[in-house]
Amino acid sequence: MEMLKYPALKQGRFCRRLNRFLAEVELDGVVERCHVKNTGRLRELLLPDAEVWCECHDDPNRKTKFSLLLVRAGEELVSIDSQAPNKVAFSYVQDGGLGFVPDSLRREVTRGDSRFDLCCTHDGQTVYIEVKGVTLKKDGLAMFPDAPTERGAKHVRGLMQAVREGCEACILFVIQRRDVREFMPNEGSDPEFAAALREAAAGGVRVQAVSCEITTEGIKTAAPVTVRL
């Protein structure tokens, strides 16, 4: 699978999170305010003194010069860039990751009152795909979400509706790390999403997960991960 390459990243030390979008990171001895490209809680990752990597921006119109992209968790690098999953998922689907090579593949497709991340065609059938990035790991299990998400359950219900109306649908969990054995919904964080996901799977929506290989040079999908509902 094709790697999503990073620009040269600057290594630093995490200091503290100011709000959902901002954090303070020490870079070259200077504490800088950095954009956090993930609105999840990330409490198990963004710990004081954690080793992190940031992207530097030259745009003078930006409020922050840096964006926080990677965090070290033990021996593993974890991507916390919420934009990365959609990008690597596109290549994954395009290269046959869902079990077929699509005839066509598009981003951001609206159907009814839902907008799905990807839509492809295969053997005359339309397949709607929703992509969810996963960073949380507990006891070797990748889990989603790490905070309640009303939008998540809405997307799952939209996929169920697409299947009822004769299309195919898939929810693809892109795990932004490699050190996991299985994936399961985080019922303790969002029981509504977990229930909706189980109902969708029973109703014909494909539920798949894939881990990612992360380096300071880039991110790419690594291997399918077993889904446990």
Foldseek 3Di string as FASTA:
>chain_A
DDWDFDDQKFKWFFAAAPAQFWGWTQGPNDTFIAGEQASAPCPLFRDGRWIWIWDAAPDPPDPGRIHTFWTDDPPWIFGRHFVPQLVQVQVCQCVCVVPDHFPDKDAFDDDDPDTAGMWTHDPRAIEGEHEAEWEDDDPQETEPDNAEDPVLLVVLVVQLVCVVVPHAYEYEYEYRIDRHAAYEYDCVRYVSNRVSVVVSVVSHYHYWYFYWHDDSGGIHTDGTHHYDD
